[in-house]
Amino acid sequence: MSLTAFFLLSFAAAAQGFNCGPLPELSHGNIDYPSGTETDATAVLTCKTGFNLVGQNEIMCGDQGWSGRLPVCEAITCSPPADVVNGGFSPQREVYKFQDAVSFSCKKGFTLSGRTKLTCTEQGTFSPAPPTCVLVKCEDPVIPNAEFVGGSRPPHGYAATVEYRCKAGFKMTGSSSLKCEMNSRWSPEIPKCSSSGHGLVGGVVGGLVSIAVLVVQFFWM
């Protein structure tokens, strides 16, 4: 082979570049070769849902093979959520996997404020924020000139309802039905029972009639 032919073959081989071939399989992940597997090509590495990539997400093909170490895909885990005063959650574990869920509940007499269910997310934390257990206690409504019709009896817990009506001769302003809310207050506002005026009018009319009868009797005597 002539010197010229040797240089031409060497130049052609250099132009073609070195072929690194495929990388070893990435457990729980995928490897893409958008520009092939030859010199200066880049392999892109990603992990499947529920796993985090530890290491480089790109590896380049050099003259002597792939540069850098192959990354690993580690399973996403969450530590237990924070404890809730006067409540708890289940199931109880030391470590939770991605998309594992826990459900919260409160002790008797307490009401859960917030989301009941929390889920282990890709960030390695539970979401949304843990709920709280609230002691809800509404006192008996004080409504002058009204009487109890039906509903909850004390102690009134969350979502308890009561109904009242005004006594004879009084008219109600507001709602006759009340609901105990999370802030231990009744909703809507406690109604009022005001004099309807019928008793006063009746008394005046009755008095005038009595006077008229007396006058007639006087003139007939």
C-alpha atoms as a PDB file:
ATOM      1  CA  MET A   1       0.000   0.000   0.000  1.00  0.00           C
ATOM      2  CA  SER A   2       1.319   3.380  -0.955  1.00  0.00           C
ATOM      3  CA  LEU A   3       1.784   6.111   1.594  1.00  0.00           C
ATOM      4  CA  THR A   4      -0.913   8.116  -0.108  1.00  0.00           C
ATOM      5  CA  ALA A   5      -3.434   5.267   0.164  1.00  0.00           C
ATOM      6  CA  PHE A   6      -2.615   4.793   3.874  1.00  0.00           C
ATOM      7  CA  PHE A   7      -3.268   8.435   4.658  1.00  0.00           C
ATOM      8  CA  LEU A   8      -6.514   8.324   2.699  1.00  0.00           C
ATOM      9  CA  LEU A   9      -7.751   5.297   4.672  1.00  0.00           C
ATOM     10  CA  SER A  10      -6.702   6.853   7.982  1.00  0.00           C
ATOM     11  CA  PHE A  11      -8.496  10.054   7.097  1.00  0.00           C
ATOM     12  CA  ALA A  12     -11.642   8.129   6.161  1.00  0.00           C
ATOM     13  CA  ALA A  13     -11.572   6.185   9.447  1.00  0.00           C
ATOM     14  CA  ALA A  14     -11.074   9.379  11.426  1.00  0.00           C
ATOM     15  CA  ALA A  15     -13.917  11.007   9.539  1.00  0.00           C
ATOM     16  CA  GLN A  16     -16.235   8.121  10.377  1.00  0.00           C
ATOM     17  CA  GLY A  17     -15.336   8.379  14.095  1.00  0.00           C
ATOM     18  CA  PHE A  18     -15.433   5.807  16.883  1.00  0.00           C
ATOM     19  CA  ASN A  19     -18.711   3.954  17.534  1.00  0.00           C
ATOM     20  CA  CYS A  20     -19.340   3.601  21.255  1.00  0.00           C
ATOM     21  CA  GLY A  21     -22.287   1.250  20.844  1.00  0.00           C
ATOM     22  CA  PRO A  22     -25.248   1.150  23.257  1.00  0.00           C
ATOM     23  CA  LEU A  23     -24.813   1.748  26.968  1.00  0.00           C
ATOM     24  CA  PRO A  24     -25.688  -0.930  29.558  1.00  0.00           C
ATOM     25  CA  GLU A  25     -29.368  -1.081  30.485  1.00  0.00           C
ATOM     26  CA  LEU A  26     -30.495   1.578  32.975  1.00  0.00           C
ATOM     27  CA  SER A  27     -32.609  -0.121  35.637  1.00  0.00           C
ATOM     28  CA  HIS A  28     -35.954   1.693  36.096  1.00  0.00           C
ATOM     29  CA  GLY A  29     -34.927   4.161  33.379  1.00  0.00           C
ATOM     30  CA  ASN A  30     -34.605   4.830  29.665  1.00  0.00           C
ATOM     31  CA  ILE A  31     -31.678   5.739  27.384  1.00  0.00           C
ATOM     32  CA  ASP A  32     -32.182   7.680  24.148  1.00  0.00           C
ATOM     33  CA  TYR A  33     -29.610   8.234  21.403  1.00  0.00           C
ATOM     34  CA  PRO A  34     -30.925  11.262  19.460  1.00  0.00           C
ATOM     35  CA  SER A  35     -27.637  11.648  17.492  1.00  0.00           C
ATOM     36  CA  GLY A  36     -26.525   8.020  17.352  1.00  0.00           C
ATOM     37  CA  THR A  37     -23.678   6.299  19.201  1.00  0.00           C
ATOM     38  CA  GLU A  38     -20.587   7.591  17.373  1.00  0.00           C
ATOM     39  CA  THR A  39     -17.956  10.127  18.448  1.00  0.00           C
ATOM     40  CA  ASP A  40     -19.423  13.352  19.892  1.00  0.00           C
ATOM     41  CA  ALA A  41     -22.906  11.802  20.063  1.00  0.00           C
ATOM     42  CA  THR A  42     -24.818  12.276  23.320  1.00  0.00           C
ATOM     43  CA  ALA A  43     -26.945   9.729  25.158  1.00  0.00           C
ATOM     44  CA  VAL A  44     -29.860  11.117  27.207  1.00  0.00           C
ATOM     45  CA  LEU A  45     -30.836   9.222  30.351  1.00  0.00           C
ATOM     46  CA  THR A  46     -34.160   9.527  32.194  1.00  0.00           C
ATOM     47  CA  CYS A  47     -35.885   7.617  34.985  1.00  0.00           C
ATOM     48  CA  LYS A  48     -39.370   6.185  35.055  1.00  0.00           C
ATOM     49  CA  THR A  49     -42.119   7.730  37.167  1.00  0.00           C
ATOM     50  CA  GLY A  50     -41.475   7.155  40.852  1.00  0.00           C
ATOM     51  CA  PHE A  51     -37.682   7.214  40.509  1.00  0.00           C
ATOM     52  CA  ASN A  52     -35.051   9.974  40.751  1.00  0.00           C
ATOM     53  CA  LEU A  53     -31.930  10.123  38.573  1.00  0.00           C
ATOM     54  CA  VAL A  54     -28.714  10.143  40.618  1.00  0.00           C
ATOM     55  CA  GLY A  55     -25.804  11.196  38.400  1.00  0.00           C
ATOM     56  CA  GLN A  56     -25.476  12.836  34.971  1.00  0.00           C
ATOM     57  CA  ASN A  57     -28.478  12.849  32.660  1.00  0.00           C
ATOM     58  CA  GLU A  58     -26.246  13.043  29.551  1.00  0.00           C
ATOM     59  CA  ILE A  59     -23.166  11.007  28.530  1.00  0.00           C
ATOM     60  CA  MET A  60     -20.986  11.778  25.487  1.00  0.00           C
ATOM     61  CA  CYS A  61     -19.285   9.291  23.170  1.00  0.00           C
ATOM     62  CA  GLY A  62     -15.532   9.958  22.937  1.00  0.00           C
ATOM     63  CA  ASP A  63     -12.675   8.446  20.963  1.00  0.00           C
ATOM     64  CA  GLN A  64     -12.289   5.664  23.507  1.00  0.00           C
ATOM     65  CA  GLY A  65     -15.908   5.075  24.531  1.00  0.00           C
ATOM     66  CA  TRP A  66     -18.592   6.706  26.659  1.00  0.00           C
ATOM     67  CA  SER A  67     -17.358   9.333  29.094  1.00  0.00           C
ATOM     68  CA  GLY A  68     -18.553   9.425  32.684  1.00  0.00           C
ATOM     69  CA  ARG A  69     -20.342   6.901  34.851  1.00  0.00           C
ATOM     70  CA  LEU A  70     -23.771   5.504  34.188  1.00  0.00           C
ATOM     71  CA  PRO A  71     -26.282   7.106  36.615  1.00  0.00           C
ATOM     72  CA  VAL A  72     -28.777   5.141  38.699  1.00  0.00           C
ATOM     73  CA  CYS A  73     -32.518   5.511  39.223  1.00  0.00           C
ATOM     74  CA  GLU A  74     -33.410   5.499  42.912  1.00  0.00           C
ATOM     75  CA  ALA A  75     -36.949   4.915  44.132  1.00  0.00           C
ATOM     76  CA  ILE A  76     -38.677   8.024  45.528  1.00  0.00           C
ATOM     77  CA  THR A  77     -39.560   7.659  49.209  1.00  0.00           C
ATOM     78  CA  CYS A  78     -41.260   9.844  51.812  1.00  0.00           C
ATOM     79  CA  SER A  79     -40.757  10.044  55.554  1.00  0.00           C
ATOM     80  CA  PRO A  80     -43.918   9.809  57.694  1.00  0.00           C
ATOM     81  CA  PRO A  81     -46.002  13.012  57.783  1.00  0.00           C
ATOM     82  CA  ALA A  82     -46.011  15.193  60.884  1.00  0.00           C
ATOM     83  CA  ASP A  83     -48.114  14.091  63.850  1.00  0.00           C
ATOM     84  CA  VAL A  84     -51.472  15.757  64.362  1.00  0.00           C
ATOM     85  CA  VAL A  85     -52.555  16.784  67.859  1.00  0.00           C
ATOM     86  CA  ASN A  86     -55.722  14.919  68.905  1.00  0.00           C
ATOM     87  CA  GLY A  87     -55.583  12.815  65.757  1.00  0.00           C
ATOM     88  CA  GLY A  88     -53.599  10.272  63.791  1.00  0.00           C
ATOM     89  CA  PHE A  89     -53.087   8.637  60.407  1.00  0.00           C
ATOM     90  CA  SER A  90     -52.871   5.194  58.869  1.00  0.00           C
ATOM     91  CA  PRO A  91     -51.195   3.084  57.659  1.00  0.00           C
ATOM     92  CA  GLN A  92     -48.167   3.606  59.892  1.00  0.00           C
ATOM     93  CA  ARG A  93     -44.800   2.911  58.206  1.00  0.00           C
ATOM     94  CA  GLU A  94     -41.180   3.979  58.582  1.00  0.00           C
ATOM     95  CA  VAL A  95     -40.849   4.759  54.853  1.00  0.00           C
ATOM     96  CA  TYR A  96     -43.456   5.343  52.151  1.00  0.00           C
ATOM     97  CA  LYS A  97     -43.100   4.798  48.409  1.00  0.00           C
ATOM     98  CA  PHE A  98     -44.075   7.214  45.653  1.00  0.00           C
ATOM     99  CA  GLN A  99     -47.885   7.637  45.462  1.00  0.00           C
ATOM    100  CA  ASP A 100     -48.436   5.857  48.778  1.00  0.00           C
ATOM    101  CA  ALA A 101     -51.295   7.521  50.654  1.00  0.00           C
ATOM    102  CA  VAL A 102     -52.208   7.994  54.312  1.00  0.00           C
ATOM    103  CA  SER A 103     -55.604   8.862  55.781  1.00  0.00           C
ATOM    104  CA  PHE A 104     -56.094  11.105  58.820  1.00  0.00           C
ATOM    105  CA  SER A 105     -58.775  10.945  61.494  1.00  0.00           C
ATOM    106  CA  CYS A 106     -59.470  12.778  64.762  1.00  0.00           C
ATOM    107  CA  LYS A 107     -60.259  11.636  68.274  1.00  0.00           C
ATOM    108  CA  LYS A 108     -63.862  11.634  69.447  1.00  0.00           C
ATOM    109  CA  GLY A 109     -65.172  15.154  69.967  1.00  0.00           C
ATOM    110  CA  PHE A 110     -62.753  16.700  67.460  1.00  0.00           C
ATOM    111  CA  THR A 111     -63.401  17.612  63.839  1.00  0.00           C
ATOM    112  CA  LEU A 112     -60.858  17.331  61.035  1.00  0.00           C
ATOM    113  CA  SER A 113     -60.050  20.614  59.297  1.00  0.00           C
ATOM    114  CA  GLY A 114     -58.230  20.137  55.983  1.00  0.00           C
ATOM    115  CA  ARG A 115     -57.670  17.236  53.618  1.00  0.00           C
ATOM    116  CA  THR A 116     -58.232  13.721  54.924  1.00  0.00           C
ATOM    117  CA  LYS A 117     -55.864  12.040  52.436  1.00  0.00           C
ATOM    118  CA  LEU A 118     -52.168  12.875  51.818  1.00  0.00           C
ATOM    119  CA  THR A 119     -50.009  11.371  49.047  1.00  0.00           C
ATOM    120  CA  CYS A 120     -46.244  10.821  48.700  1.00  0.00           C
ATOM    121  CA  THR A 121     -45.127  13.036  45.788  1.00  0.00           C
ATOM    122  CA  GLU A 122     -42.187  13.111  43.366  1.00  0.00           C
ATOM    123  CA  GLN A 123     -40.526  15.678  45.660  1.00  0.00           C
ATOM    124  CA  GLY A 124     -40.252  13.055  48.408  1.00  0.00           C
ATOM    125  CA  THR A 125     -42.770  14.796  50.661  1.00  0.00           C
ATOM    126  CA  PHE A 126     -46.440  14.303  51.478  1.00  0.00           C
ATOM    127  CA  SER A 127     -48.946  16.675  49.934  1.00  0.00           C
ATOM    128  CA  PRO A 128     -51.094  18.594  50.704  1.00  0.00           C
ATOM    129  CA  ALA A 129     -50.250  19.888  54.189  1.00  0.00           C
ATOM    130  CA  PRO A 130     -51.455  17.769  57.134  1.00  0.00           C
ATOM    131  CA  PRO A 131     -54.898  18.657  58.531  1.00  0.00           C
ATOM    132  CA  THR A 132     -55.666  19.739  62.087  1.00  0.00           C
ATOM    133  CA  CYS A 133     -58.135  18.381  64.629  1.00  0.00           C
ATOM    134  CA  VAL A 134     -60.350  21.145  65.971  1.00  0.00           C
ATOM    135  CA  LEU A 135     -62.586  21.049  69.032  1.00  0.00           C
ATOM    136  CA  VAL A 136     -65.900  22.442  67.756  1.00  0.00           C
ATOM    137  CA  LYS A 137     -68.507  23.343  70.364  1.00  0.00           C
ATOM    138  CA  CYS A 138     -71.404  25.726  69.795  1.00  0.00           C
ATOM    139  CA  GLU A 139     -73.323  26.988  72.810  1.00  0.00           C
ATOM    140  CA  ASP A 140     -77.122  26.904  72.867  1.00  0.00           C
ATOM    141  CA  PRO A 141     -78.434  29.890  70.866  1.00  0.00           C
ATOM    142  CA  VAL A 142     -79.965  32.597  73.059  1.00  0.00           C
ATOM    143  CA  ILE A 143     -83.081  33.905  71.295  1.00  0.00           C
ATOM    144  CA  PRO A 144     -85.444  35.905  73.531  1.00  0.00           C
ATOM    145  CA  ASN A 145     -89.139  35.181  72.928  1.00  0.00           C
ATOM    146  CA  ALA A 146     -88.323  32.030  70.938  1.00  0.00           C
ATOM    147  CA  GLU A 147     -88.778  28.326  71.590  1.00  0.00           C
ATOM    148  CA  PHE A 148     -86.854  25.236  70.478  1.00  0.00           C
ATOM    149  CA  VAL A 149     -88.477  23.225  67.677  1.00  0.00           C
ATOM    150  CA  GLY A 150     -85.967  20.444  67.025  1.00  0.00           C
ATOM    151  CA  GLY A 151     -82.450  19.410  66.086  1.00  0.00           C
ATOM    152  CA  SER A 152     -79.220  18.884  67.986  1.00  0.00           C
ATOM    153  CA  ARG A 153     -78.907  18.771  71.759  1.00  0.00           C
ATOM    154  CA  PRO A 154     -75.851  20.132  73.624  1.00  0.00           C
ATOM    155  CA  PRO A 155     -72.973  19.754  73.275  1.00  0.00           C
ATOM    156  CA  HIS A 156     -73.389  20.949  69.697  1.00  0.00           C
ATOM    157  CA  GLY A 157     -70.553  19.675  67.486  1.00  0.00           C
ATOM    158  CA  TYR A 158     -69.542  20.593  63.951  1.00  0.00           C
ATOM    159  CA  ALA A 159     -72.414  20.614  61.419  1.00  0.00           C
ATOM    160  CA  ALA A 160     -75.042  20.227  64.153  1.00  0.00           C
ATOM    161  CA  THR A 161     -78.331  21.961  63.301  1.00  0.00           C
ATOM    162  CA  VAL A 162     -81.090  23.429  65.441  1.00  0.00           C
ATOM    163  CA  GLU A 163     -84.425  25.030  64.622  1.00  0.00           C
ATOM    164  CA  TYR A 164     -86.364  27.659  66.555  1.00  0.00           C
ATOM    165  CA  ARG A 165     -89.639  29.543  66.210  1.00  0.00           C
ATOM    166  CA  CYS A 166     -90.986  32.680  67.801  1.00  0.00           C
ATOM    167  CA  LYS A 167     -93.637  32.600  70.493  1.00  0.00           C
ATOM    168  CA  ALA A 168     -97.150  33.798  69.766  1.00  0.00           C
ATOM    169  CA  GLY A 169     -97.283  37.528  69.100  1.00  0.00           C
ATOM    170  CA  PHE A 170     -93.679  37.681  67.885  1.00  0.00           C
ATOM    171  CA  LYS A 171     -92.230  37.651  64.375  1.00  0.00           C
ATOM    172  CA  MET A 172     -88.852  36.173  63.421  1.00  0.00           C
ATOM    173  CA  THR A 173     -86.207  38.176  61.578  1.00  0.00           C
ATOM    174  CA  GLY A 174     -83.561  35.859  60.108  1.00  0.00           C
ATOM    175  CA  SER A 175     -83.320  32.124  59.592  1.00  0.00           C
ATOM    176  CA  SER A 176     -85.150  29.699  61.858  1.00  0.00           C
ATOM    177  CA  SER A 177     -82.531  26.995  61.153  1.00  0.00           C
ATOM    178  CA  LEU A 178     -78.926  27.313  62.376  1.00  0.00           C
ATOM    179  CA  LYS A 179     -75.778  25.244  61.733  1.00  0.00           C
ATOM    180  CA  CYS A 180     -72.709  24.915  63.978  1.00  0.00           C
ATOM    181  CA  GLU A 181     -69.606  25.892  61.963  1.00  0.00           C
ATOM    182  CA  MET A 182     -65.908  25.050  62.370  1.00  0.00           C
ATOM    183  CA  ASN A 183     -65.298  28.287  64.336  1.00  0.00           C
ATOM    184  CA  SER A 184     -67.816  27.181  67.017  1.00  0.00           C
ATOM    185  CA  ARG A 185     -70.323  29.800  65.868  1.00  0.00           C
ATOM    186  CA  TRP A 186     -73.831  29.408  64.488  1.00  0.00           C
ATOM    187  CA  SER A 187     -74.527  30.203  60.867  1.00  0.00           C
ATOM    188  CA  PRO A 188     -76.291  32.216  59.630  1.00  0.00           C
ATOM    189  CA  GLU A 189     -76.570  34.852  62.360  1.00  0.00           C
ATOM    190  CA  ILE A 190     -78.880  34.063  65.262  1.00  0.00           C
ATOM    191  CA  PRO A 191     -82.372  35.403  64.442  1.00  0.00           C
ATOM    192  CA  LYS A 192     -84.469  37.800  66.510  1.00  0.00           C
ATOM    193  CA  CYS A 193     -88.070  37.589  67.643  1.00  0.00           C
ATOM    194  CA  SER A 194     -89.753  40.997  67.649  1.00  0.00           C
ATOM    195  CA  SER A 195     -93.268  41.919  68.697  1.00  0.00           C
ATOM    196  CA  SER A 196     -95.585  41.648  65.722  1.00  0.00           C
ATOM    197  CA  GLY A 197     -97.851  44.440  67.111  1.00  0.00           C
ATOM    198  CA  HIS A 198    -100.998  42.330  66.820  1.00  0.00           C
ATOM    199  CA  GLY A 199    -101.423  42.118  70.563  1.00  0.00           C
ATOM    200  CA  LEU A 200    -101.177  45.915  70.951  1.00  0.00           C
ATOM    201  CA  VAL A 201    -103.642  46.570  68.153  1.00  0.00           C
ATOM    202  CA  GLY A 202    -106.036  43.988  69.543  1.00  0.00           C
ATOM    203  CA  GLY A 203    -105.837  45.568  72.981  1.00  0.00           C
ATOM    204  CA  VAL A 204    -106.510  49.054  71.637  1.00  0.00           C
ATOM    205  CA  VAL A 205    -109.447  47.872  69.537  1.00  0.00           C
ATOM    206  CA  GLY A 206    -110.854  45.883  72.443  1.00  0.00           C
ATOM    207  CA  GLY A 207    -110.541  48.904  74.712  1.00  0.00           C
ATOM    208  CA  LEU A 208    -112.360  51.164  72.251  1.00  0.00           C
ATOM    209  CA  VAL A 209    -115.181  48.649  71.909  1.00  0.00           C
ATOM    210  CA  SER A 210    -115.527  48.450  75.671  1.00  0.00           C
ATOM    211  CA  ILE A 211    -115.698  52.256  75.940  1.00  0.00           C
ATOM    212  CA  ALA A 212    -118.320  52.404  73.190  1.00  0.00           C
ATOM    213  CA  VAL A 213    -120.476  49.832  74.973  1.00  0.00           C
ATOM    214  CA  LEU A 214    -120.283  51.796  78.211  1.00  0.00           C
ATOM    215  CA  VAL A 215    -121.294  55.018  76.454  1.00  0.00           C
ATOM    216  CA  VAL A 216    -124.308  53.355  74.837  1.00  0.00           C
ATOM    217  CA  GLN A 217    -125.357  51.844  78.136  1.00  0.00           C
ATOM    218  CA  PHE A 218    -125.045  55.255  79.822  1.00  0.00           C
ATOM    219  CA  PHE A 219    -127.377  56.950  77.345  1.00  0.00           C
ATOM    220  CA  TRP A 220    -129.929  54.166  77.530  1.00  0.00           C
ATOM    221  CA  MET A 221    -130.134  54.408  81.273  1.00  0.00           C
END
